[in-house]
PDB file of N, CA and C in Angstrom:
ATOM      1  N   MET A   1     -24.365 -61.402  19.187  1.00  0.00           N
ATOM      2  CA  MET A   1     -24.944 -60.139  19.505  1.00  0.00           C
ATOM      3  C   MET A   1     -24.263 -59.090  18.665  1.00  0.00           C
ATOM      4  N   ILE A   2     -25.030 -58.066  18.270  1.00  0.00           N
ATOM      5  CA  ILE A   2     -24.560 -56.973  17.472  1.00  0.00           C
ATOM      6  C   ILE A   2     -24.385 -55.803  18.424  1.00  0.00           C
ATOM      7  N   ARG A   3     -23.156 -55.183  18.400  1.00  0.00           N
ATOM      8  CA  ARG A   3     -22.885 -54.175  19.347  1.00  0.00           C
ATOM      9  C   ARG A   3     -23.129 -52.702  19.014  1.00  0.00           C
ATOM     10  N   SER A   4     -23.394 -52.413  17.710  1.00  0.00           N
ATOM     11  CA  SER A   4     -23.602 -51.064  17.378  1.00  0.00           C
ATOM     12  C   SER A   4     -24.826 -50.820  16.541  1.00  0.00           C
ATOM     13  N   THR A   5     -25.597 -49.893  16.921  1.00  0.00           N
ATOM     14  CA  THR A   5     -26.766 -49.425  16.168  1.00  0.00           C
ATOM     15  C   THR A   5     -26.802 -47.926  16.359  1.00  0.00           C
ATOM     16  N   SER A   6     -26.856 -47.279  15.270  1.00  0.00           N
ATOM     17  CA  SER A   6     -26.898 -45.750  15.464  1.00  0.00           C
ATOM     18  C   SER A   6     -28.223 -45.319  16.074  1.00  0.00           C
ATOM     19  N   ALA A   7     -28.152 -44.254  16.804  1.00  0.00           N
ATOM     20  CA  ALA A   7     -29.401 -43.765  17.512  1.00  0.00           C
ATOM     21  C   ALA A   7     -30.446 -43.447  16.455  1.00  0.00           C
ATOM     22  N   GLU A   8     -30.087 -42.868  15.318  1.00  0.00           N
ATOM     23  CA  GLU A   8     -31.058 -42.578  14.305  1.00  0.00           C
ATOM     24  C   GLU A   8     -31.767 -43.755  13.745  1.00  0.00           C
ATOM     25  N   ASP A   9     -30.997 -44.823  13.472  1.00  0.00           N
ATOM     26  CA  ASP A   9     -31.536 -46.080  13.048  1.00  0.00           C
ATOM     27  C   ASP A   9     -32.528 -46.652  14.065  1.00  0.00           C
ATOM     28  N   ALA A  10     -32.129 -46.665  15.325  1.00  0.00           N
ATOM     29  CA  ALA A  10     -32.962 -47.261  16.363  1.00  0.00           C
ATOM     30  C   ALA A  10     -34.246 -46.425  16.547  1.00  0.00           C
ATOM     31  N   ASN A  11     -34.223 -45.127  16.337  1.00  0.00           N
ATOM     32  CA  ASN A  11     -35.416 -44.293  16.527  1.00  0.00           C
ATOM     33  C   ASN A  11     -36.407 -44.616  15.384  1.00  0.00           C
ATOM     34  N   GLU A  12     -36.025 -45.090  14.264  1.00  0.00           N
ATOM     35  CA  GLU A  12     -36.893 -45.335  13.116  1.00  0.00           C
ATOM     36  C   GLU A  12     -37.473 -46.752  13.157  1.00  0.00           C
ATOM     37  N   LEU A  13     -37.110 -47.507  14.122  1.00  0.00           N
ATOM     38  CA  LEU A  13     -37.608 -48.903  14.196  1.00  0.00           C
ATOM     39  C   LEU A  13     -39.068 -48.935  14.731  1.00  0.00           C
ATOM     40  N   ALA A  14     -39.816 -50.014  14.342  1.00  0.00           N
ATOM     41  CA  ALA A  14     -41.144 -50.136  14.730  1.00  0.00           C
ATOM     42  C   ALA A  14     -41.149 -51.092  15.925  1.00  0.00           C
ATOM     43  N   TRP A  15     -41.226 -50.550  17.166  1.00  0.00           N
ATOM     44  CA  TRP A  15     -41.144 -51.353  18.369  1.00  0.00           C
ATOM     45  C   TRP A  15     -42.477 -51.899  18.749  1.00  0.00           C
ATOM     46  N   PHE A  16     -42.498 -53.086  19.268  1.00  0.00           N
ATOM     47  CA  PHE A  16     -43.734 -53.723  19.759  1.00  0.00           C
ATOM     48  C   PHE A  16     -43.478 -54.522  21.031  1.00  0.00           C
ATOM     49  N   LYS A  17     -44.552 -54.736  21.841  1.00  0.00           N
ATOM     50  CA  LYS A  17     -44.482 -55.483  23.021  1.00  0.00           C
ATOM     51  C   LYS A  17     -45.003 -56.835  22.778  1.00  0.00           C
ATOM     52  N   SER A  18     -44.540 -57.797  23.575  1.00  0.00           N
ATOM     53  CA  SER A  18     -44.975 -59.164  23.501  1.00  0.00           C
ATOM     54  C   SER A  18     -46.446 -59.285  23.787  1.00  0.00           C
ATOM     55  N   SER A  19     -47.125 -60.240  23.180  1.00  0.00           N
ATOM     56  CA  SER A  19     -48.513 -60.466  23.457  1.00  0.00           C
ATOM     57  C   SER A  19     -48.636 -61.125  24.802  1.00  0.00           C
ATOM     58  N   TYR A  20     -47.546 -61.585  25.439  1.00  0.00           N
ATOM     59  CA  TYR A  20     -47.539 -62.220  26.695  1.00  0.00           C
ATOM     60  C   TYR A  20     -47.275 -61.202  27.843  1.00  0.00           C
ATOM     61  N   SER A  21     -47.235 -59.904  27.520  1.00  0.00           N
ATOM     62  CA  SER A  21     -46.916 -58.829  28.536  1.00  0.00           C
ATOM     63  C   SER A  21     -48.022 -58.843  29.554  1.00  0.00           C
ATOM     64  N   ASP A  22     -47.601 -58.540  30.821  1.00  0.00           N
ATOM     65  CA  ASP A  22     -48.539 -58.402  31.930  1.00  0.00           C
ATOM     66  C   ASP A  22     -49.352 -57.138  31.782  1.00  0.00           C
ATOM     67  N   SER A  23     -50.667 -57.314  31.578  1.00  0.00           N
ATOM     68  CA  SER A  23     -51.495 -56.132  31.293  1.00  0.00           C
ATOM     69  C   SER A  23     -51.719 -55.294  32.524  1.00  0.00           C
ATOM     70  N   SER A  24     -51.388 -55.750  33.707  1.00  0.00           N
ATOM     71  CA  SER A  24     -51.588 -54.932  34.896  1.00  0.00           C
ATOM     72  C   SER A  24     -50.643 -53.733  34.912  1.00  0.00           C
ATOM     73  N   ASN A  25     -49.514 -53.816  34.250  1.00  0.00           N
ATOM     74  CA  ASN A  25     -48.608 -52.724  34.193  1.00  0.00           C
ATOM     75  C   ASN A  25     -48.039 -52.632  32.743  1.00  0.00           C
ATOM     76  N   PRO A  26     -48.693 -51.887  31.873  1.00  0.00           N
ATOM     77  CA  PRO A  26     -48.323 -51.901  30.483  1.00  0.00           C
ATOM     78  C   PRO A  26     -46.924 -51.245  30.187  1.00  0.00           C
ATOM     79  N   ASN A  27     -46.302 -50.616  31.146  1.00  0.00           N
ATOM     80  CA  ASN A  27     -44.980 -50.090  30.938  1.00  0.00           C
ATOM     81  C   ASN A  27     -43.898 -51.041  31.446  1.00  0.00           C
ATOM     82  N   ASP A  28     -44.269 -52.119  31.988  1.00  0.00           N
ATOM     83  CA  ASP A  28     -43.272 -53.082  32.531  1.00  0.00           C
ATOM     84  C   ASP A  28     -43.098 -54.202  31.568  1.00  0.00           C
ATOM     85  N   CYS A  29     -42.286 -53.973  30.524  1.00  0.00           N
ATOM     86  CA  CYS A  29     -42.223 -54.983  29.459  1.00  0.00           C
ATOM     87  C   CYS A  29     -40.939 -54.779  28.624  1.00  0.00           C
ATOM     88  N   VAL A  30     -40.604 -55.790  27.925  1.00  0.00           N
ATOM     89  CA  VAL A  30     -39.527 -55.722  26.980  1.00  0.00           C
ATOM     90  C   VAL A  30     -40.143 -55.464  25.578  1.00  0.00           C
ATOM     91  N   GLU A  31     -39.548 -54.571  24.842  1.00  0.00           N
ATOM     92  CA  GLU A  31     -40.020 -54.314  23.474  1.00  0.00           C
ATOM     93  C   GLU A  31     -39.042 -54.807  22.453  1.00  0.00           C
ATOM     94  N   VAL A  32     -39.554 -55.154  21.336  1.00  0.00           N
ATOM     95  CA  VAL A  32     -38.687 -55.762  20.228  1.00  0.00           C
ATOM     96  C   VAL A  32     -38.955 -55.009  18.925  1.00  0.00           C
ATOM     97  N   ALA A  33     -37.936 -54.862  18.199  1.00  0.00           N
ATOM     98  CA  ALA A  33     -38.080 -54.322  16.808  1.00  0.00           C
ATOM     99  C   ALA A  33     -37.191 -55.120  15.892  1.00  0.00           C
ATOM    100  N   THR A  34     -37.735 -55.483  14.727  1.00  0.00           N
ATOM    101  CA  THR A  34     -36.937 -56.356  13.864  1.00  0.00           C
ATOM    102  C   THR A  34     -36.571 -55.667  12.549  1.00  0.00           C
ATOM    103  N   THR A  35     -35.453 -56.021  12.005  1.00  0.00           N
ATOM    104  CA  THR A  35     -35.004 -55.687  10.703  1.00  0.00           C
ATOM    105  C   THR A  35     -34.541 -56.999  10.046  1.00  0.00           C
ATOM    106  N   PRO A  36     -34.297 -56.992   8.759  1.00  0.00           N
ATOM    107  CA  PRO A  36     -33.900 -58.254   8.170  1.00  0.00           C
ATOM    108  C   PRO A  36     -32.665 -58.916   8.812  1.00  0.00           C
ATOM    109  N   THR A  37     -31.733 -58.125   9.379  1.00  0.00           N
ATOM    110  CA  THR A  37     -30.530 -58.682   9.891  1.00  0.00           C
ATOM    111  C   THR A  37     -30.347 -58.579  11.386  1.00  0.00           C
ATOM    112  N   THR A  38     -31.303 -57.881  12.054  1.00  0.00           N
ATOM    113  CA  THR A  38     -31.120 -57.674  13.510  1.00  0.00           C
ATOM    114  C   THR A  38     -32.452 -57.659  14.216  1.00  0.00           C
ATOM    115  N   VAL A  39     -32.474 -58.236  15.434  1.00  0.00           N
ATOM    116  CA  VAL A  39     -33.562 -58.146  16.331  1.00  0.00           C
ATOM    117  C   VAL A  39     -33.111 -57.269  17.496  1.00  0.00           C
ATOM    118  N   HIS A  40     -33.826 -56.065  17.634  1.00  0.00           N
ATOM    119  CA  HIS A  40     -33.438 -55.134  18.645  1.00  0.00           C
ATOM    120  C   HIS A  40     -34.350 -55.322  19.839  1.00  0.00           C
ATOM    121  N   VAL A  41     -33.781 -55.180  21.066  1.00  0.00           N
ATOM    122  CA  VAL A  41     -34.528 -55.418  22.272  1.00  0.00           C
ATOM    123  C   VAL A  41     -34.241 -54.204  23.231  1.00  0.00           C
ATOM    124  N   ARG A  42     -35.308 -53.725  23.903  1.00  0.00           N
ATOM    125  CA  ARG A  42     -35.176 -52.660  24.889  1.00  0.00           C
ATOM    126  C   ARG A  42     -36.156 -52.774  25.952  1.00  0.00           C
ATOM    127  N   ASP A  43     -35.904 -52.060  27.019  1.00  0.00           N
ATOM    128  CA  ASP A  43     -36.827 -52.011  28.220  1.00  0.00           C
ATOM    129  C   ASP A  43     -37.821 -50.869  27.899  1.00  0.00           C
ATOM    130  N   SER A  44     -39.099 -51.226  28.022  1.00  0.00           N
ATOM    131  CA  SER A  44     -40.167 -50.236  27.644  1.00  0.00           C
ATOM    132  C   SER A  44     -40.174 -49.075  28.602  1.00  0.00           C
ATOM    133  N   LYS A  45     -39.657 -49.279  29.835  1.00  0.00           N
ATOM    134  CA  LYS A  45     -39.673 -48.160  30.831  1.00  0.00           C
ATOM    135  C   LYS A  45     -38.592 -47.120  30.456  1.00  0.00           C
ATOM    136  N   THR A  46     -37.579 -47.517  29.735  1.00  0.00           N
ATOM    137  CA  THR A  46     -36.512 -46.551  29.354  1.00  0.00           C
ATOM    138  C   THR A  46     -36.184 -46.737  27.866  1.00  0.00           C
ATOM    139  N   PRO A  47     -37.073 -46.238  27.052  1.00  0.00           N
ATOM    140  CA  PRO A  47     -36.914 -46.479  25.512  1.00  0.00           C
ATOM    141  C   PRO A  47     -35.674 -45.862  25.006  1.00  0.00           C
ATOM    142  N   GLN A  48     -35.134 -44.818  25.611  1.00  0.00           N
ATOM    143  CA  GLN A  48     -33.966 -44.187  25.151  1.00  0.00           C
ATOM    144  C   GLN A  48     -32.682 -44.794  25.770  1.00  0.00           C
ATOM    145  N   GLY A  49     -32.883 -45.775  26.650  1.00  0.00           N
ATOM    146  CA  GLY A  49     -31.759 -46.403  27.339  1.00  0.00           C
ATOM    147  C   GLY A  49     -31.094 -47.469  26.470  1.00  0.00           C
ATOM    148  N   PRO A  50     -30.315 -48.286  27.149  1.00  0.00           N
ATOM    149  CA  PRO A  50     -29.511 -49.311  26.450  1.00  0.00           C
ATOM    150  C   PRO A  50     -30.467 -50.263  25.645  1.00  0.00           C
ATOM    151  N   ARG A  51     -29.887 -50.766  24.492  1.00  0.00           N
ATOM    152  CA  ARG A  51     -30.557 -51.683  23.663  1.00  0.00           C
ATOM    153  C   ARG A  51     -29.680 -52.783  23.322  1.00  0.00           C
ATOM    154  N   LEU A  52     -30.215 -53.951  23.081  1.00  0.00           N
ATOM    155  CA  LEU A  52     -29.496 -55.070  22.587  1.00  0.00           C
ATOM    156  C   LEU A  52     -29.833 -55.258  21.127  1.00  0.00           C
ATOM    157  N   GLY A  53     -28.850 -55.703  20.370  1.00  0.00           N
ATOM    158  CA  GLY A  53     -29.077 -56.046  18.978  1.00  0.00           C
ATOM    159  C   GLY A  53     -28.565 -57.464  18.793  1.00  0.00           C
ATOM    160  N   LEU A  54     -29.465 -58.352  18.386  1.00  0.00           N
ATOM    161  CA  LEU A  54     -29.141 -59.791  18.238  1.00  0.00           C
ATOM    162  C   LEU A  54     -29.391 -60.247  16.825  1.00  0.00           C
ATOM    163  N   THR A  55     -28.631 -61.264  16.451  1.00  0.00           N
ATOM    164  CA  THR A  55     -28.923 -61.858  15.086  1.00  0.00           C
ATOM    165  C   THR A  55     -30.282 -62.550  15.224  1.00  0.00           C
ATOM    166  N   PRO A  56     -30.972 -62.758  14.131  1.00  0.00           N
ATOM    167  CA  PRO A  56     -32.267 -63.501  14.233  1.00  0.00           C
ATOM    168  C   PRO A  56     -32.051 -64.920  14.786  1.00  0.00           C
ATOM    169  N   THR A  57     -30.900 -65.525  14.431  1.00  0.00           N
ATOM    170  CA  THR A  57     -30.629 -66.843  14.904  1.00  0.00           C
ATOM    171  C   THR A  57     -30.454 -66.866  16.460  1.00  0.00           C
ATOM    172  N   ALA A  58     -29.696 -65.885  17.019  1.00  0.00           N
ATOM    173  CA  ALA A  58     -29.538 -65.810  18.489  1.00  0.00           C
ATOM    174  C   ALA A  58     -30.896 -65.478  19.124  1.00  0.00           C
ATOM    175  N   TRP A  59     -31.697 -64.612  18.530  1.00  0.00           N
ATOM    176  CA  TRP A  59     -33.014 -64.303  19.146  1.00  0.00           C
ATOM    177  C   TRP A  59     -33.852 -65.575  19.180  1.00  0.00           C
ATOM    178  N   ALA A  60     -33.896 -66.311  18.095  1.00  0.00           N
ATOM    179  CA  ALA A  60     -34.697 -67.522  18.040  1.00  0.00           C
ATOM    180  C   ALA A  60     -34.255 -68.529  19.073  1.00  0.00           C
ATOM    181  N   SER A  61     -32.952 -68.634  19.251  1.00  0.00           N
ATOM    182  CA  SER A  61     -32.451 -69.576  20.305  1.00  0.00           C
ATOM    183  C   SER A  61     -32.864 -69.088  21.684  1.00  0.00           C
ATOM    184  N   PHE A  62     -32.741 -67.756  21.966  1.00  0.00           N
ATOM    185  CA  PHE A  62     -33.191 -67.226  23.237  1.00  0.00           C
ATOM    186  C   PHE A  62     -34.672 -67.510  23.484  1.00  0.00           C
ATOM    187  N   VAL A  63     -35.490 -67.245  22.513  1.00  0.00           N
ATOM    188  CA  VAL A  63     -36.955 -67.398  22.678  1.00  0.00           C
ATOM    189  C   VAL A  63     -37.267 -68.873  22.949  1.00  0.00           C
ATOM    190  N   SER A  64     -36.575 -69.734  22.222  1.00  0.00           N
ATOM    191  CA  SER A  64     -36.808 -71.180  22.381  1.00  0.00           C
ATOM    192  C   SER A  64     -36.451 -71.626  23.814  1.00  0.00           C
ATOM    193  N   TYR A  65     -35.304 -71.104  24.289  1.00  0.00           N
ATOM    194  CA  TYR A  65     -34.803 -71.439  25.611  1.00  0.00           C
ATOM    195  C   TYR A  65     -35.738 -70.854  26.661  1.00  0.00           C
ATOM    196  N   ALA A  66     -36.144 -69.623  26.548  1.00  0.00           N
ATOM    197  CA  ALA A  66     -37.014 -68.947  27.487  1.00  0.00           C
ATOM    198  C   ALA A  66     -38.411 -69.624  27.551  1.00  0.00           C
ATOM    199  N   SER A  67     -38.891 -70.130  26.508  1.00  0.00           N
ATOM    200  CA  SER A  67     -40.225 -70.762  26.460  1.00  0.00           C
ATOM    201  C   SER A  67     -40.262 -72.089  27.176  1.00  0.00           C
ATOM    202  N   GLU A  68     -39.030 -72.645  27.417  1.00  0.00           N
ATOM    203  CA  GLU A  68     -39.039 -73.995  28.076  1.00  0.00           C
ATOM    204  C   GLU A  68     -39.261 -73.904  29.531  1.00  0.00           C
ATOM    205  N   SER A  69     -39.083 -72.741  30.197  1.00  0.00           N
ATOM    206  CA  SER A  69     -39.166 -72.664  31.623  1.00  0.00           C
ATOM    207  C   SER A  69     -40.566 -72.309  32.059  1.00  0.00           C
TER     208      SER A  69
END
């Protein structure tokens, strides 16, 4: 996990929601933004709130694990 991202850099990211998001509540979702070295994750309900920064390898491992359930 990457622990620091400047607020300015995070504001310039192109955030998107999963195509698997529940369409009944479009604000109830996780959003992701990618850069060559980091996958950023945030709660769509609080876009200025806490964010996670993961390496692409860690993100791929998480997605693989999450898709198994």
